[in-house]
Structures are given as C-alpha cells and as structure tokens.
N, C-alpha and C. Protein backbone atom coordinates (compact mmCIF):
# COMPACT_ATOMS: atom_id res chain seq x y z
N MET A 1 159.26 -71.78 379.86
CA MET A 1 159.93 -71.03 381.11
C MET A 1 160.99 -71.79 381.40
N LEU A 2 162.10 -71.26 381.65
CA LEU A 2 163.35 -71.83 382.55
C LEU A 2 163.50 -71.03 383.54
N LEU A 3 163.88 -72.35 384.62
CA LEU A 3 164.57 -71.92 386.10
C LEU A 3 165.58 -72.08 385.97
N TYR A 4 166.70 -71.43 386.42
CA TYR A 4 168.15 -71.79 386.57
C TYR A 4 168.32 -71.39 388.08
N ALA A 5 169.30 -72.36 388.38
CA ALA A 5 170.26 -71.93 389.90
C ALA A 5 171.65 -72.73 389.84
N GLU A 6 172.38 -71.79 390.50
CA GLU A 6 173.66 -72.03 390.63
C GLU A 6 173.65 -72.18 391.95
N VAL A 7 174.18 -73.71 392.53
CA VAL A 7 174.13 -74.28 393.89
C VAL A 7 175.74 -74.35 394.26
N GLU A 8 176.44 -73.48 395.26
CA GLU A 8 177.85 -73.85 395.82
C GLU A 8 177.41 -75.00 396.94
N ILE A 9 178.57 -75.81 396.92
CA ILE A 9 178.47 -77.29 398.09
C ILE A 9 179.68 -77.11 398.74
N PHE A 10 179.66 -77.40 399.65
CA PHE A 10 180.89 -77.66 400.63
C PHE A 10 180.83 -78.95 400.98
N LEU A 11 181.84 -79.73 400.53
CA LEU A 11 182.09 -81.13 400.94
C LEU A 11 183.01 -81.49 401.95
N PRO A 12 182.64 -81.49 403.23
CA PRO A 12 183.95 -81.14 404.46
C PRO A 12 184.70 -82.77 404.79
N THR A 13 183.89 -83.74 404.14
CA THR A 13 184.61 -85.13 404.41
C THR A 13 185.39 -85.61 403.13
N CYS A 14 185.60 -84.71 402.05
CA CYS A 14 186.20 -85.19 401.21
C CYS A 14 187.89 -85.11 401.34
N HIS A 15 188.76 -85.88 400.90
CA HIS A 15 190.10 -85.65 401.24
C HIS A 15 190.78 -85.89 400.09
N SER A 16 189.94 -85.76 398.89
CA SER A 16 190.48 -85.99 397.28
C SER A 16 189.78 -85.82 396.54
N LEU A 17 190.12 -85.28 395.00
CA LEU A 17 189.09 -85.49 394.02
C LEU A 17 188.56 -86.65 393.73
N LYS A 18 188.94 -87.91 393.97
CA LYS A 18 188.46 -89.23 393.76
C LYS A 18 186.92 -89.15 394.66
N ASP A 19 187.17 -88.83 396.12
CA ASP A 19 185.97 -88.61 396.95
C ASP A 19 185.01 -87.88 396.51
N LYS A 20 185.59 -86.62 396.04
CA LYS A 20 184.55 -85.54 395.39
C LYS A 20 183.67 -86.09 394.30
N ARG A 21 184.33 -86.76 393.55
CA ARG A 21 183.60 -87.18 392.30
C ARG A 21 182.59 -88.37 392.21
N SER A 22 183.01 -89.28 393.50
CA SER A 22 182.03 -90.00 393.87
C SER A 22 180.66 -89.69 394.14
N ILE A 23 180.75 -88.72 395.32
CA ILE A 23 179.64 -87.95 395.75
C ILE A 23 178.74 -87.22 395.08
N LEU A 24 179.85 -86.28 394.06
CA LEU A 24 178.57 -85.69 393.25
C LEU A 24 178.35 -86.64 392.00
N LYS A 25 178.82 -87.71 391.64
CA LYS A 25 178.03 -88.76 390.95
C LYS A 25 176.73 -89.43 391.55
N ARG A 26 176.74 -89.46 392.65
CA ARG A 26 175.44 -90.12 393.40
C ARG A 26 174.34 -88.83 393.15
N ILE A 27 174.74 -87.56 393.61
CA ILE A 27 174.01 -86.49 393.86
C ILE A 27 173.27 -86.24 392.18
N LYS A 28 173.89 -86.27 391.24
CA LYS A 28 174.08 -85.98 389.84
C LYS A 28 172.90 -87.28 389.24
N LYS A 29 172.93 -88.58 389.58
CA LYS A 29 172.27 -89.87 389.15
C LYS A 29 171.17 -89.59 390.04
N ARG A 30 170.98 -89.33 391.30
CA ARG A 30 169.77 -89.41 392.03
C ARG A 30 168.91 -88.04 391.49
N LEU A 31 169.58 -86.92 391.43
CA LEU A 31 168.58 -85.88 390.49
C LEU A 31 167.73 -86.18 389.32
N SER A 32 168.80 -86.84 388.24
CA SER A 32 168.47 -87.05 387.07
C SER A 32 167.35 -87.88 386.96
N GLN A 33 167.41 -89.24 387.72
CA GLN A 33 166.60 -90.04 388.06
C GLN A 33 165.24 -89.70 388.59
N THR A 34 165.39 -88.82 389.32
CA THR A 34 164.05 -88.43 390.14
C THR A 34 163.48 -87.27 389.65
N LEU A 35 164.04 -86.32 389.05
CA LEU A 35 163.41 -85.16 388.37
C LEU A 35 163.81 -84.72 387.16
N ASN A 36 163.19 -84.17 386.21
CA ASN A 36 163.24 -83.88 385.00
C ASN A 36 164.03 -82.81 384.75
N ILE A 37 165.47 -82.70 384.99
CA ILE A 37 166.34 -81.36 384.97
C ILE A 37 167.63 -81.61 384.59
N THR A 38 168.16 -80.75 384.15
CA THR A 38 169.75 -80.82 384.02
C THR A 38 170.43 -80.16 384.25
N ILE A 39 171.63 -80.84 384.95
CA ILE A 39 172.54 -80.57 386.10
C ILE A 39 173.94 -80.73 385.76
N ALA A 40 174.98 -79.84 386.22
CA ALA A 40 176.23 -79.95 385.67
C ALA A 40 177.09 -79.22 386.71
N GLU A 41 178.34 -79.64 386.67
CA GLU A 41 179.20 -79.04 387.49
C GLU A 41 179.95 -77.93 386.87
N MET A 42 179.93 -76.66 387.60
CA MET A 42 180.33 -75.47 386.71
C MET A 42 181.45 -74.85 387.13
N ASP A 43 181.95 -75.30 388.38
CA ASP A 43 183.03 -74.63 388.94
C ASP A 43 183.94 -75.42 390.06
N TYR A 44 184.84 -74.98 390.23
CA TYR A 44 185.72 -75.50 391.26
C TYR A 44 186.00 -76.97 391.22
N GLN A 45 186.39 -77.48 390.10
CA GLN A 45 186.66 -78.66 389.40
C GLN A 45 187.73 -79.34 389.87
N ASP A 46 188.70 -78.46 390.45
CA ASP A 46 190.29 -78.63 391.13
C ASP A 46 190.11 -78.67 392.21
N LEU A 47 189.30 -78.20 393.38
CA LEU A 47 189.15 -78.36 394.59
C LEU A 47 188.58 -79.47 395.18
N TRP A 48 188.95 -79.83 396.28
CA TRP A 48 188.35 -81.34 396.89
C TRP A 48 187.42 -81.12 397.76
N GLN A 49 187.07 -79.92 398.18
CA GLN A 49 185.61 -79.63 399.28
C GLN A 49 184.87 -78.39 398.90
N ARG A 50 184.71 -78.33 397.31
CA ARG A 50 184.02 -77.17 397.14
C ARG A 50 183.72 -77.47 395.86
N THR A 51 182.29 -77.26 395.40
CA THR A 51 182.01 -77.38 393.65
C THR A 51 180.78 -76.36 393.64
N MET A 52 180.64 -76.18 392.43
CA MET A 52 179.00 -75.16 392.08
C MET A 52 178.65 -75.99 391.03
N LEU A 53 177.22 -76.70 391.46
CA LEU A 53 176.40 -76.97 390.31
C LEU A 53 175.64 -76.03 389.45
N ALA A 54 175.47 -76.23 388.35
CA ALA A 54 174.19 -75.76 387.62
C ALA A 54 173.19 -76.49 387.57
N ILE A 55 171.63 -76.23 387.77
CA ILE A 55 170.69 -76.73 387.71
C ILE A 55 169.56 -75.99 386.98
N ALA A 56 168.86 -76.49 385.58
CA ALA A 56 168.13 -75.78 384.92
C ALA A 56 166.64 -76.64 384.71
N THR A 57 165.46 -76.17 384.79
CA THR A 57 164.41 -76.70 384.39
C THR A 57 163.67 -76.32 383.72
N VAL A 58 163.02 -76.75 382.60
CA VAL A 58 161.91 -76.18 381.80
C VAL A 58 160.77 -76.68 381.75
N SER A 59 159.73 -75.96 382.14
CA SER A 59 158.22 -76.37 381.45
C SER A 59 157.44 -75.12 381.27
N ASP A 60 156.39 -75.26 381.06
CA ASP A 60 155.33 -73.97 380.45
C ASP A 60 154.87 -73.50 381.69
N SER A 61 155.00 -73.79 382.58
CA SER A 61 154.69 -73.35 384.31
C SER A 61 155.73 -73.22 384.87
N ASN A 62 155.72 -71.16 385.53
CA ASN A 62 156.71 -71.13 386.23
C ASN A 62 156.53 -71.82 387.81
N GLU A 63 155.43 -72.07 388.15
CA GLU A 63 154.99 -72.95 389.20
C GLU A 63 155.63 -74.06 389.51
N ILE A 64 155.24 -74.98 388.54
CA ILE A 64 156.12 -76.07 388.42
C ILE A 64 157.63 -76.17 388.29
N ASN A 65 158.26 -75.15 387.84
CA ASN A 65 159.46 -75.19 387.58
C ASN A 65 160.07 -75.06 389.18
N GLU A 66 159.62 -73.99 390.05
CA GLU A 66 159.99 -73.82 391.18
C GLU A 66 159.52 -75.06 392.07
N GLN A 67 158.26 -75.95 392.12
CA GLN A 67 158.30 -77.08 392.99
C GLN A 67 159.70 -77.75 392.22
N VAL A 68 159.60 -78.09 391.24
CA VAL A 68 160.99 -79.32 390.60
C VAL A 68 162.18 -78.53 391.12
N MET A 69 162.43 -77.43 391.36
CA MET A 69 164.00 -76.66 391.99
C MET A 69 163.84 -76.97 393.47
N GLN A 70 162.79 -76.89 393.87
CA GLN A 70 162.62 -77.25 395.40
C GLN A 70 162.83 -78.53 395.75
N GLN A 71 162.47 -79.39 394.83
CA GLN A 71 162.54 -80.81 395.27
C GLN A 71 163.83 -81.01 395.05
N ALA A 72 164.65 -80.45 393.90
CA ALA A 72 166.33 -80.82 394.05
C ALA A 72 166.76 -80.19 395.01
N PHE A 73 166.49 -79.09 395.47
CA PHE A 73 167.43 -78.55 396.69
C PHE A 73 167.07 -79.93 397.75
N GLN A 74 165.82 -80.33 398.20
CA GLN A 74 165.83 -81.30 399.22
C GLN A 74 166.88 -82.46 398.86
N ILE A 75 166.77 -82.92 397.80
CA ILE A 75 167.45 -84.21 397.39
C ILE A 75 169.12 -83.67 397.98
N ILE A 76 169.37 -82.56 397.29
CA ILE A 76 171.07 -82.15 397.66
C ILE A 76 171.06 -82.24 399.06
N ASP A 77 170.06 -81.62 399.82
CA ASP A 77 170.31 -81.47 401.29
C ASP A 77 170.27 -82.62 401.87
N SER A 78 169.67 -83.74 401.39
CA SER A 78 169.60 -85.04 401.87
C SER A 78 170.78 -86.18 402.05
N PHE A 79 171.73 -85.53 401.43
CA PHE A 79 173.12 -86.20 401.52
C PHE A 79 173.95 -85.61 402.45
N PRO A 80 174.23 -86.63 403.53
CA PRO A 80 174.79 -85.95 404.72
C PRO A 80 176.27 -85.50 404.64
N GLU A 81 176.77 -85.84 403.95
CA GLU A 81 178.21 -85.78 403.41
C GLU A 81 178.47 -84.08 402.72
N VAL A 82 177.24 -83.64 402.41
CA VAL A 82 177.54 -82.01 401.81
C VAL A 82 176.78 -80.98 402.58
N GLU A 83 177.09 -79.86 402.18
CA GLU A 83 176.54 -78.35 402.78
C GLU A 83 176.16 -77.57 401.32
N ARG A 84 175.00 -77.12 401.47
CA ARG A 84 174.61 -76.42 400.67
C ARG A 84 174.88 -74.68 401.13
N THR A 85 175.84 -74.01 400.54
CA THR A 85 175.98 -72.84 401.14
C THR A 85 175.67 -71.66 400.41
N LEU A 86 175.43 -71.52 399.09
CA LEU A 86 174.91 -70.38 398.34
C LEU A 86 174.04 -71.04 397.32
N THR A 87 173.11 -70.49 397.42
CA THR A 87 171.82 -70.86 396.21
C THR A 87 171.44 -69.52 395.64
N ASN A 88 171.94 -69.42 394.29
CA ASN A 88 171.01 -68.34 393.23
C ASN A 88 170.27 -69.02 392.22
N VAL A 89 169.03 -68.36 392.36
CA VAL A 89 167.89 -68.83 391.12
C VAL A 89 167.57 -67.98 390.43
N GLU A 90 167.23 -68.06 389.07
CA GLU A 90 166.86 -66.99 388.46
C GLU A 90 166.12 -67.36 387.29
N ASN A 91 164.98 -66.64 386.96
CA ASN A 91 163.93 -67.37 385.66
C ASN A 91 164.88 -66.53 384.49
N ARG A 92 164.88 -67.49 383.39
CA ARG A 92 165.10 -67.15 382.20
C ARG A 92 164.43 -66.84 381.03
C-alpha cells in the first residue's frame, strides 16, 4: 500500500532562494535519515517563501503508513523556520 501526501509550507524568514534551499535541504535530510520515505519539492521552486513537498511511504500495512506519515509531519513541524499550511493525504 502507498500513502501519499502533498505538504504546502510557508517559510516566513527566507529572503532568498538560497535561504529556502538551505532549510529544505535540512528538512529532507532529516526525513530521509529518520524515516523510510520518499520526498521531493513539487511546486513553487522559484518562490522564496513558499514550497510544496510530496511525501510517499510504502508498506504492506496502512496503519504503518499512517504512523510514518504522522512522524514526517512532526519532523517538518519541529523546524521553527517553517509553517505547514496545507496538507493533503491520500491512499493510492
């Protein structure tokens, strides 16, 4: 089973694309080191203070997928320089 999420993030402290990339690099590194997930920036690559991340996790249990996704959201929320604004989750 596959669980997929699109997470829109606001980065109010960013003043350049370099700032944004630095923060996203740390977020993606922590997520990939901690959890067995796939993560990619999907939209708003040219905007300083906004991004859309796609996160996917696969396992034989929907319950495990849900737990992993919730852990991913907690990790994202632990970064003080970002605000998670919209989150869409769907089973595929």
